[in-house]
Protein backbone atom coordinates (compact mmCIF):
# COMPACT_ATOMS: atom_id res chain seq x y z
CA MET A 1 157.45 131.88 41.30
CA ALA A 2 157.61 128.45 43.10
CA ASN A 3 160.26 130.17 45.31
CA LYS A 4 158.13 133.11 46.13
CA ASP A 5 155.59 130.16 47.09
CA ILE A 6 157.94 128.63 49.49
CA GLU A 7 159.27 131.63 50.96
CA LYS A 8 155.20 132.53 51.48
CA LYS A 9 154.71 128.96 53.46
CA ASP A 10 157.71 129.38 55.32
CA GLU A 11 156.26 132.94 57.04
CA ILE A 12 152.93 131.97 57.48
CA LYS A 13 154.72 128.47 59.67
CA LYS A 14 156.70 131.11 61.62
CA GLU A 15 153.67 133.53 62.13
CA THR A 16 151.46 130.37 63.62
CA LYS A 17 154.26 129.54 65.59
CA LYS A 18 154.13 133.01 67.20
CA THR A 19 150.15 133.03 67.59
CA SER A 20 150.70 129.55 69.23
CA ARG A 21 152.17 131.55 72.27
CA LYS A 22 150.87 133.93 74.93
CA THR A 23 152.85 136.24 77.06
CA VAL A 24 152.32 136.29 80.54
CA ASN A 25 153.79 139.42 83.25
CA GLY A 26 156.24 139.65 80.05
CA LYS A 27 157.04 136.05 79.98
CA ALA A 28 156.52 134.13 76.73
CA THR A 29 154.79 131.03 77.57
CA THR A 30 152.39 128.04 75.94
CA SER A 31 148.55 128.10 75.68
CA LYS A 32 148.15 124.98 76.70
CA LYS A 33 146.98 125.09 80.40
CA ASN A 34 148.67 123.02 83.16
CA SER A 35 145.50 121.45 85.56
CA ALA A 36 147.72 121.04 88.25
CA ASN A 37 147.87 124.72 88.96
CA VAL A 38 144.28 124.83 89.22
CA SER A 39 142.77 124.76 92.51
CA PRO A 40 140.02 121.85 93.24
CA LYS A 41 137.59 124.93 94.49
CA LYS A 42 137.58 125.91 90.33
CA LYS A 43 138.22 122.55 89.60
CA ALA A 44 134.47 121.66 91.03
CA THR A 45 133.50 124.86 90.20
CA LYS A 46 134.32 124.46 86.48
CA LYS A 47 132.63 120.70 86.37
CA VAL A 48 129.30 122.64 86.81
CA GLU A 49 129.57 125.60 84.47
CA LEU A 50 126.15 126.85 85.20
CA ALA A 51 125.92 129.99 82.96
CA GLN A 52 126.35 127.31 80.13
CA VAL A 53 123.04 125.59 81.33
CA ASP A 54 120.66 127.65 79.22
CA SER A 55 117.63 124.61 79.33
CA LYS A 56 113.97 125.47 79.62
CA ILE A 57 112.68 123.31 81.77
CA GLN A 58 109.03 122.38 81.50
CA LYS A 59 106.59 123.22 84.43
CA ILE A 60 104.63 120.41 86.19
CA ILE A 61 100.95 121.18 84.99
CA THR A 62 98.01 120.32 87.45
CA ASP A 63 95.70 118.00 85.74
CA GLU A 64 93.73 116.12 88.64
CA ASN A 65 93.57 114.49 92.18
CA ILE A 66 95.68 111.91 91.37
CA HIS A 67 96.04 112.22 87.50
CA ARG A 68 98.81 110.42 86.05
CA ASN A 69 101.56 112.02 83.50
CA SER A 70 103.45 109.84 81.56
CA ASN A 71 106.77 110.57 80.10
CA GLU A 72 108.39 113.58 81.28
CA GLU A 73 109.77 115.73 78.55
CA ILE A 74 113.06 118.67 79.22
CA LYS A 75 114.40 119.79 76.55
CA LYS A 76 117.91 119.79 77.02
CA THR A 77 120.95 121.47 75.18
CA LYS A 78 125.15 121.98 75.75
CA GLU A 79 125.02 118.50 77.74
CA GLU A 80 128.39 117.52 77.42
CA LYS A 81 129.70 120.47 79.17
CA LEU A 82 128.10 118.78 82.25
CA ASN A 83 130.53 116.34 83.79
CA PHE A 84 128.26 113.56 84.81
CA GLY A 85 126.56 111.37 82.73
CA ILE A 86 123.03 111.59 80.80
CA PHE A 87 120.87 109.90 83.91
CA GLU A 88 122.15 111.84 86.56
CA TYR A 89 121.36 114.84 84.04
CA VAL A 90 117.65 114.27 83.72
CA LEU A 91 117.46 113.85 87.34
CA LEU A 92 119.04 116.94 88.28
CA LEU A 93 116.66 118.73 85.87
CA VAL A 94 113.64 117.05 87.23
CA ILE A 95 115.22 118.57 90.76
CA ILE A 96 115.97 121.91 89.23
CA SER A 97 111.80 121.48 88.30
CA LEU A 98 110.72 120.29 91.80
CA ILE A 99 112.83 123.22 93.24
CA PHE A 100 110.93 126.27 91.20
CA SER A 101 107.65 124.44 92.07
CA LEU A 102 108.19 124.70 95.37
CA LEU A 103 110.06 128.02 95.53
CA GLY A 104 107.24 129.34 93.58
CA TYR A 105 104.16 128.05 95.60
CA PHE A 106 106.12 129.15 99.36
CA ILE A 107 107.78 132.64 98.61
CA GLY A 108 106.18 133.86 95.54
CA LEU A 109 108.64 133.69 92.69
CA LYS A 110 106.16 134.64 90.09
CA GLY A 111 106.84 137.79 90.34
CA ASN A 112 110.93 136.90 89.75
CA LYS A 113 112.22 138.55 86.72
CA SER A 114 113.69 135.08 85.26
CA LEU A 115 110.22 133.27 85.10
CA ASP A 116 107.79 133.68 82.31
CA ASP A 117 104.27 131.62 81.95
CA ASN A 118 106.03 128.59 80.68
CA TYR A 119 109.74 128.48 81.90
CA VAL A 120 112.49 129.65 84.94
CA THR A 121 115.69 129.99 84.23
CA VAL A 122 118.64 128.82 86.34
CA ASN A 123 119.50 131.06 89.62
CA LYS A 124 121.52 131.35 92.58
CA GLU A 125 119.81 128.39 94.50
CA LEU A 126 120.14 125.80 91.61
CA ARG A 127 123.76 127.26 91.27
CA GLU A 128 124.88 126.04 95.12
CA PHE A 129 122.79 122.69 94.74
CA ILE A 130 124.56 121.77 91.11
CA GLU A 131 127.68 122.89 93.38
CA GLU A 132 127.60 120.75 96.17
CA TYR A 133 126.33 117.63 94.15
CA ASN A 134 129.62 118.15 92.59
CA TYR A 135 131.62 119.15 95.78
CA ILE A 136 130.13 116.07 97.56
CA LEU A 137 130.55 113.70 94.61
CA GLU A 138 134.54 114.55 94.32
CA ASN A 139 134.88 114.63 98.24
CA TYR A 140 132.68 111.79 99.50
CA TYR A 141 136.19 109.50 100.58
CA GLY A 142 133.94 106.50 99.73
CA GLU A 143 131.56 105.65 96.45
CA ILE A 144 128.77 107.23 95.94
CA ASP A 145 125.67 105.72 94.15
CA GLU A 146 124.48 108.94 92.32
CA SER A 147 121.17 107.70 91.63
CA GLU A 148 120.61 106.60 94.81
CA LEU A 149 121.70 110.64 96.41
CA ILE A 150 119.05 112.53 93.93
CA THR A 151 116.40 110.19 94.89
CA ASN A 152 117.09 110.52 98.50
CA ALA A 153 117.31 114.32 97.67
CA LEU A 154 113.91 114.09 96.25
CA LYS A 155 112.55 112.43 98.67
CA GLY A 156 113.67 114.98 101.41
CA MET A 157 112.43 118.06 99.32
CA LEU A 158 109.28 116.15 99.20
CA SER A 159 109.19 115.40 102.89
CA SER A 160 110.03 118.59 103.84
CA ILE A 161 106.77 120.43 102.15
CA ASP A 162 103.18 118.71 103.37
CA ASP A 163 102.19 115.79 104.49
CA TYR A 164 100.73 114.59 100.50
CA SER A 165 103.36 115.46 99.09
CA GLY A 166 106.17 112.21 98.80
CA PHE A 167 107.83 109.53 97.00
CA ILE A 168 106.25 106.25 95.71
CA ASP A 169 108.96 103.60 95.40
CA ASN A 170 109.11 101.66 92.17
CA GLY A 171 107.79 98.05 92.00
CA SER A 172 104.22 96.86 93.82
CA ASN A 173 102.17 99.71 94.96
CA ASN A 174 98.37 98.97 96.38
CA ASN A 175 97.08 101.94 96.00
CA SER A 176 98.33 102.91 92.54
CA ILE A 177 96.60 99.68 91.70
CA SER A 178 93.42 100.36 92.92
CA LEU A 179 93.23 103.93 91.82
CA GLN A 180 94.17 101.92 88.29
CA GLY A 181 90.96 100.21 88.35
CA GLU A 182 92.52 96.99 87.16
CA TYR A 183 96.22 95.57 86.61
CA GLU A 184 97.55 92.13 84.89
CA GLY A 185 98.06 89.94 87.80
CA LEU A 186 96.18 86.80 89.44
CA GLY A 187 93.55 88.28 91.42
CA ILE A 188 94.50 88.11 94.90
CA GLY A 189 94.95 90.44 97.67
CA ILE A 190 97.54 89.41 100.51
CA LEU A 191 98.93 90.11 104.11
CA ASN A 192 100.61 88.63 106.49
CA THR A 193 99.82 87.10 109.45
CA SER A 194 101.46 87.77 112.90
CA GLU A 195 102.36 84.23 112.33
CA GLY A 196 104.59 85.53 109.88
CA ASP A 197 102.02 83.00 107.14
CA ILE A 198 101.08 84.98 104.08
CA ILE A 199 97.40 84.91 103.67
CA ILE A 200 95.09 85.35 100.84
CA ALA A 201 92.98 88.48 102.19
CA THR A 202 90.87 89.28 99.00
CA VAL A 203 90.32 87.36 96.01
CA TYR A 204 88.43 89.34 92.78
CA ASP A 205 85.79 88.42 91.38
CA ASP A 206 86.49 86.91 87.64
CA SER A 207 90.06 86.78 88.20
CA PRO A 208 92.43 83.55 87.32
CA ALA A 209 92.37 83.35 91.54
CA SER A 210 88.81 83.26 91.59
CA LYS A 211 87.94 80.82 88.66
CA ALA A 212 91.02 78.77 89.99
CA GLY A 213 88.71 78.64 93.29
CA ILE A 214 91.43 80.55 95.39
CA LYS A 215 89.53 81.19 98.37
CA SER A 216 89.98 84.11 101.54
CA GLY A 217 92.14 83.04 104.23
CA ASP A 218 93.83 80.06 102.08
CA ILE A 219 97.99 80.50 103.35
CA VAL A 220 100.10 80.45 100.29
CA THR A 221 103.29 78.41 101.20
CA LYS A 222 105.20 78.26 98.16
CA LEU A 223 105.17 79.64 94.20
CA ASN A 224 106.85 77.22 91.49
CA GLY A 225 107.73 75.06 94.58
CA GLU A 226 110.01 77.88 96.59
CA ASP A 227 109.21 77.49 99.67
CA LEU A 228 107.95 81.16 101.06
CA THR A 229 108.48 80.93 104.78
CA GLY A 230 109.52 84.03 106.19
CA GLN A 231 108.63 86.08 103.07
CA ASP A 232 107.03 89.44 103.54
CA ASN A 233 103.67 89.45 101.21
CA SER A 234 105.54 92.37 99.50
CA GLU A 235 108.58 90.02 98.08
CA LEU A 236 105.46 87.23 96.76
CA VAL A 237 103.93 90.52 94.85
CA ASP A 238 107.04 91.20 93.34
CA LYS A 239 108.28 87.71 92.36
CA ILE A 240 104.82 86.77 90.80
CA SER A 241 104.83 90.46 88.66
CA GLU A 242 108.23 89.14 87.15
CA LEU A 243 106.74 86.07 86.19
CA ASN A 244 105.16 85.25 83.03
CA GLY A 245 103.57 81.54 81.85
CA ASP A 246 102.34 79.31 84.31
CA ILE A 247 102.60 79.78 87.89
CA ASN A 248 101.84 77.37 90.69
CA LEU A 249 100.89 78.30 93.79
CA THR A 250 100.64 75.92 97.14
CA ILE A 251 98.31 76.32 99.55
CA ILE A 252 97.50 75.30 102.79
CA ARG A 253 93.18 74.86 103.53
CA ASP A 254 91.72 73.47 106.76
CA GLY A 255 94.89 71.57 106.89
CA GLU A 256 95.34 70.04 103.59
CA GLU A 257 97.90 71.49 100.29
CA LEU A 258 96.44 72.29 97.64
CA ASN A 259 98.07 73.17 94.26
CA PHE A 260 96.74 76.15 91.67
CA ASN A 261 98.20 76.63 88.46
CA LEU A 262 97.50 79.84 86.78
CA LYS A 263 97.98 82.23 84.40
CA LYS A 264 98.37 86.02 84.78
CA GLU A 265 95.04 88.34 83.05
CA LYS A 266 94.15 91.75 83.28
CA VAL A 267 92.04 92.22 86.29
CA VAL A 268 89.12 94.96 86.38
CA LEU A 269 88.69 96.12 89.81
CA LYS A 270 84.77 96.98 91.21
CA SER A 271 84.81 99.77 93.35
CA VAL A 272 81.19 100.41 93.32
CA THR A 273 78.44 97.68 94.12
CA TYR A 274 74.62 98.30 94.03
CA GLU A 275 71.43 96.72 95.51
CA MET A 276 67.04 97.69 95.39
CA LEU A 277 65.88 98.01 98.82
CA GLU A 278 62.66 98.15 100.21
CA ASN A 279 60.53 101.07 99.15
CA ASN A 280 62.82 101.27 95.63
CA ILE A 281 65.46 102.94 97.30
CA GLY A 282 68.66 102.01 95.67
CA TYR A 283 71.71 102.14 97.38
CA ILE A 284 75.24 101.84 95.95
CA GLN A 285 78.73 101.82 97.56
CA VAL A 286 81.89 103.75 95.91
CA SER A 287 85.21 102.11 97.88
CA ILE A 288 87.45 104.17 95.77
CA PHE A 289 87.23 106.76 92.77
CA ALA A 290 89.69 104.95 90.35
CA GLU A 291 89.85 105.42 86.58
CA ASN A 292 87.11 103.20 85.68
CA THR A 293 84.82 103.80 88.90
CA ASP A 294 82.79 106.85 87.00
CA GLU A 295 81.84 103.74 84.62
CA GLN A 296 81.16 101.26 87.05
CA PHE A 297 78.80 104.05 88.86
CA LYS A 298 77.19 104.84 85.50
CA GLU A 299 76.12 101.27 85.24
CA ALA A 300 74.93 100.95 88.59
CA LEU A 301 72.71 104.13 88.52
CA THR A 302 71.50 102.90 84.95
CA ASN A 303 70.15 99.44 86.49
CA LEU A 304 68.80 100.93 89.47
CA GLU A 305 66.76 103.55 88.03
CA ASN A 306 65.19 101.16 84.99
CA GLN A 307 63.88 99.17 88.12
CA ASN A 308 61.95 102.71 89.19
CA MET A 309 64.33 104.13 91.77
CA GLN A 310 62.48 106.56 93.76
CA SER A 311 65.49 107.35 95.82
CA LEU A 312 69.17 107.00 96.46
CA ILE A 313 71.94 106.12 99.28
CA ILE A 314 75.17 106.81 97.76
CA ASP A 315 77.85 105.10 100.56
CA LEU A 316 80.97 107.14 100.66
CA ARG A 317 82.02 105.77 103.94
CA GLY A 318 85.93 104.65 104.15
CA ASN A 319 86.40 106.07 100.61
CA SER A 320 89.68 108.33 100.91
CA GLY A 321 89.22 109.65 97.51
CA GLY A 322 90.98 109.55 94.05
CA HIS A 323 90.75 110.61 90.68
CA LEU A 324 88.93 114.03 90.14
CA SER A 325 88.17 113.12 86.32
CA SER A 326 85.85 110.32 87.83
CA VAL A 327 84.03 111.83 90.70
CA ARG A 328 83.00 114.67 87.67
CA ASN A 329 81.76 112.05 85.21
CA MET A 330 79.71 111.16 88.26
CA LEU A 331 78.44 114.24 89.35
CA SER A 332 77.42 114.93 85.66
CA LEU A 333 74.89 111.96 85.42
CA PHE A 334 73.40 114.26 88.20
CA LEU A 335 73.50 118.13 87.25
CA ASN A 336 73.53 119.88 83.87
CA ASP A 337 75.89 121.79 82.41
CA THR A 338 75.21 124.98 84.79
CA HIS A 339 75.88 123.76 87.91
CA VAL A 340 79.52 124.65 88.79
CA ILE A 341 80.55 121.15 90.76
CA TYR A 342 83.51 122.26 92.19
CA GLN A 343 86.60 124.57 92.03
CA THR A 344 90.18 124.73 92.08
CA GLU A 345 92.84 127.26 93.34
CA ASN A 346 96.46 128.33 92.16
CA ASP A 347 98.88 130.76 92.11
CA LYS A 348 96.81 131.62 88.77
CA GLY A 349 93.65 132.23 90.19
CA ILE A 350 90.60 130.47 90.96
CA GLU A 351 88.55 128.35 88.73
CA LYS A 352 85.31 126.80 88.46
CA VAL A 353 84.80 123.32 87.05
CA TYR A 354 81.17 122.39 85.28
CA SER A 355 79.26 119.43 84.90
CA THR A 356 79.03 117.91 81.46
CA GLY A 357 75.23 117.09 81.89
CA THR A 358 71.64 117.21 80.35
CA LYS A 359 69.64 117.20 83.22
CA ASP A 360 68.74 117.47 87.03
CA LYS A 361 67.99 114.33 88.81
CA GLU A 362 64.79 114.87 90.90
CA TYR A 363 64.60 112.14 93.07
CA LYS A 364 65.86 112.51 97.40
CA ILE A 365 69.67 111.34 97.51
CA VAL A 366 71.06 111.12 100.98
CA ILE A 367 74.82 110.80 101.37
CA LEU A 368 76.55 108.65 103.91
CA GLN A 369 79.71 109.60 105.13
CA ASP A 370 82.70 109.07 107.90
CA LEU A 371 86.16 110.19 108.87
CA GLY A 372 87.75 108.16 106.26
CA SER A 373 85.42 110.29 103.97
CA ALA A 374 88.31 112.30 101.93
CA SER A 375 89.39 114.25 98.97
CA ALA A 376 87.07 113.46 96.10
CA SER A 377 84.47 111.93 98.51
CA GLU A 378 84.14 115.16 99.58
CA VAL A 379 83.62 116.80 96.65
CA MET A 380 80.74 114.48 95.89
CA ALA A 381 79.13 114.87 98.80
CA SER A 382 79.12 118.59 99.23
CA SER A 383 78.58 119.14 95.36
CA LEU A 384 75.12 116.75 95.75
CA ARG A 385 74.42 118.54 98.49
CA GLU A 386 75.34 122.22 97.56
CA GLN A 387 73.88 122.05 93.62
CA LEU A 388 70.67 119.31 94.51
CA GLY A 389 69.82 119.50 98.24
CA ALA A 390 71.69 116.04 98.83
CA TYR A 391 71.07 115.16 102.50
CA ILE A 392 74.23 114.03 104.60
CA ILE A 393 74.56 111.73 106.94
CA GLY A 394 76.78 109.92 109.25
CA ASN A 395 80.39 111.74 110.19
CA THR A 396 82.41 115.06 109.74
CA SER A 397 84.65 113.85 106.92
CA PHE A 398 88.28 113.99 107.23
CA GLY A 399 89.12 117.54 105.42
CA LYS A 400 91.65 117.25 102.87
CA GLY A 401 90.85 119.72 100.39
CA THR A 402 94.31 119.82 98.45
CA VAL A 403 95.17 117.86 94.66
CA GLN A 404 98.37 116.10 93.71
CA THR A 405 100.29 115.97 90.68
CA VAL A 406 101.84 112.44 90.25
CA ARG A 407 105.53 112.69 88.44
CA ASN A 408 107.53 109.95 86.94
CA VAL A 409 111.17 110.05 87.01
CA ASP A 410 112.63 106.98 84.72
CA GLY A 411 114.39 104.32 86.85
CA VAL A 412 113.86 106.00 90.12
CA GLY A 413 110.27 105.62 90.78
CA GLU A 414 107.02 108.34 91.25
CA TYR A 415 106.70 110.94 93.36
CA LYS A 416 103.41 113.19 93.90
CA VAL A 417 103.71 116.95 94.82
CA THR A 418 100.87 119.46 95.76
CA THR A 419 100.43 121.78 93.22
CA THR A 420 96.15 122.86 93.70
CA LYS A 421 94.19 123.77 96.34
CA TRP A 422 90.22 122.85 95.41
CA LEU A 423 87.24 124.68 96.74
CA THR A 424 83.33 123.59 96.67
CA SER A 425 80.73 124.38 94.57
CA ASN A 426 79.94 127.27 96.76
CA GLY A 427 83.79 128.13 97.46
CA VAL A 428 83.86 126.40 100.57
CA TRP A 429 87.98 125.22 101.68
CA VAL A 430 87.47 122.13 103.79
CA ASP A 431 90.88 121.56 104.22
CA GLY A 432 91.49 120.34 107.81
CA ASN A 433 88.16 121.20 108.81
CA GLY A 434 86.19 118.56 106.55
CA ILE A 435 82.13 118.64 105.57
CA VAL A 436 79.55 118.23 109.06
CA PRO A 437 76.65 116.05 107.97
CA ASP A 438 73.04 117.11 108.29
CA LEU A 439 72.45 114.52 110.53
CA GLU A 440 75.42 113.44 112.78
CA VAL A 441 74.78 109.35 113.65
CA SER A 442 78.08 107.32 114.44
CA LEU A 443 78.07 103.35 114.83
CA THR A 444 77.41 101.67 117.89
CA GLU A 445 79.39 99.23 119.24
CA ASP A 446 77.22 96.44 118.28
CA TYR A 447 78.21 97.43 114.99
CA PHE A 448 82.44 97.20 115.73
CA LYS A 449 80.86 93.46 117.59
CA ASN A 450 78.90 92.32 114.31
CA PRO A 451 79.46 94.65 111.33
CA THR A 452 75.74 93.49 110.05
CA ARG A 453 73.58 96.30 108.13
CA GLU A 454 70.85 95.49 110.96
CA ASN A 455 73.35 96.97 112.81
CA ASP A 456 74.63 99.60 110.84
CA ASN A 457 72.21 102.08 112.67
CA GLN A 458 74.18 104.66 110.00
CA PHE A 459 72.62 103.00 107.08
CA GLN A 460 69.01 102.53 108.87
CA ALA A 461 69.57 106.73 109.29
CA ALA A 462 69.25 106.95 105.79
CA VAL A 463 66.40 104.84 105.03
CA ASP A 464 64.55 105.84 107.36
CA TYR A 465 64.83 109.37 106.09
CA LEU A 466 63.80 108.45 102.51
CA LYS A 467 60.79 106.75 103.93
CA GLY A 468 60.11 110.12 105.62
CA GLU A 469 60.10 108.76 108.80
CA ASN A 470 62.83 111.12 109.73
């Protein structure tokens, strides 16, 4: 029995040796491939075998005008079969998602059988993109920063589609901070003068800078003893954002050097100011539709109504827009839930957005607008006119009728892409045309020379209208 077992083992070994060899054109050869005989083109193609890429990529979902998406969730399988790193792989998937959203918008890929309601599959364009990406990496004569290569690819795609889609660099971004409505910092806005100085342009109320006594017009010369001569204001912002604990600012005021010790705190930006005018006319100015503007507006409106307000001026001049969620909540303070306040349209059709309010306001309303009033400002002005009979005074508004969705790419930054267009409550698309006022009034030269309320003829026209003098 032992001899038979040994004979069987010998037979198995012989069979194993036989099967480990292949015959090519009648000649025996081992199954091991000689990589030196593979052409560069095949080698590059092998690096990304797109037939093996069966990942499903989550589509971009529009929420609102500057509705910020949190972390990107991309389902990845078989990623070990791609010959580049995890970071580059994730970025490529982001680009793939963006490409498909753009192709779907412009050439109607909705009808492509490779699409369903939620996912897309790899097609010829993506195959070519990744092949060329690999070719560049392998054949460029010098070193390549792969993340920078993909970042610039994103920038190039976004810059080619419309004026509102674009890349938002990492780091400080004043517009993003304004839209958030709050941030962690000192509570100052700074700019560079023509002489190269860094000057305090704004000091926010109830901020560390305000409490310490820093004033607009102060010149910042040092940060924690470091000389800031010749530095850009953005450099100072970046340095402050990286600091924790005590922060010392050296400033010059009226020729005197002063030092201020500060600590960063949560700073709430005020986007709403209000007051009661004569004849029980309420006045509310909205500078931007930030995430917390609706709360500030509700507080202002409630206080004015508690003072027996009989009519209202809403000043949207210079307001370039912001979050649709904020303007929706603000409009719901004026209209019951039977009213359409605006509509959205994309390749899936038109959706009507209704107020969530309980009661229509009965007092007269005047909207002040100008060329700088755009997007969410135009949503508010058009809705109050079409649904509540508000009267618009000023100049024709900007005419921005599209909505952008913001996406974040870890380690690279954010980008925004146009995903929807919005229509007024009556279905009018204002893009490129703006909203024409009921009463055209332009600011006079006197106002620009001396911008006081007495010289503000648009404001005066609103007051006169509500007094019944027009």
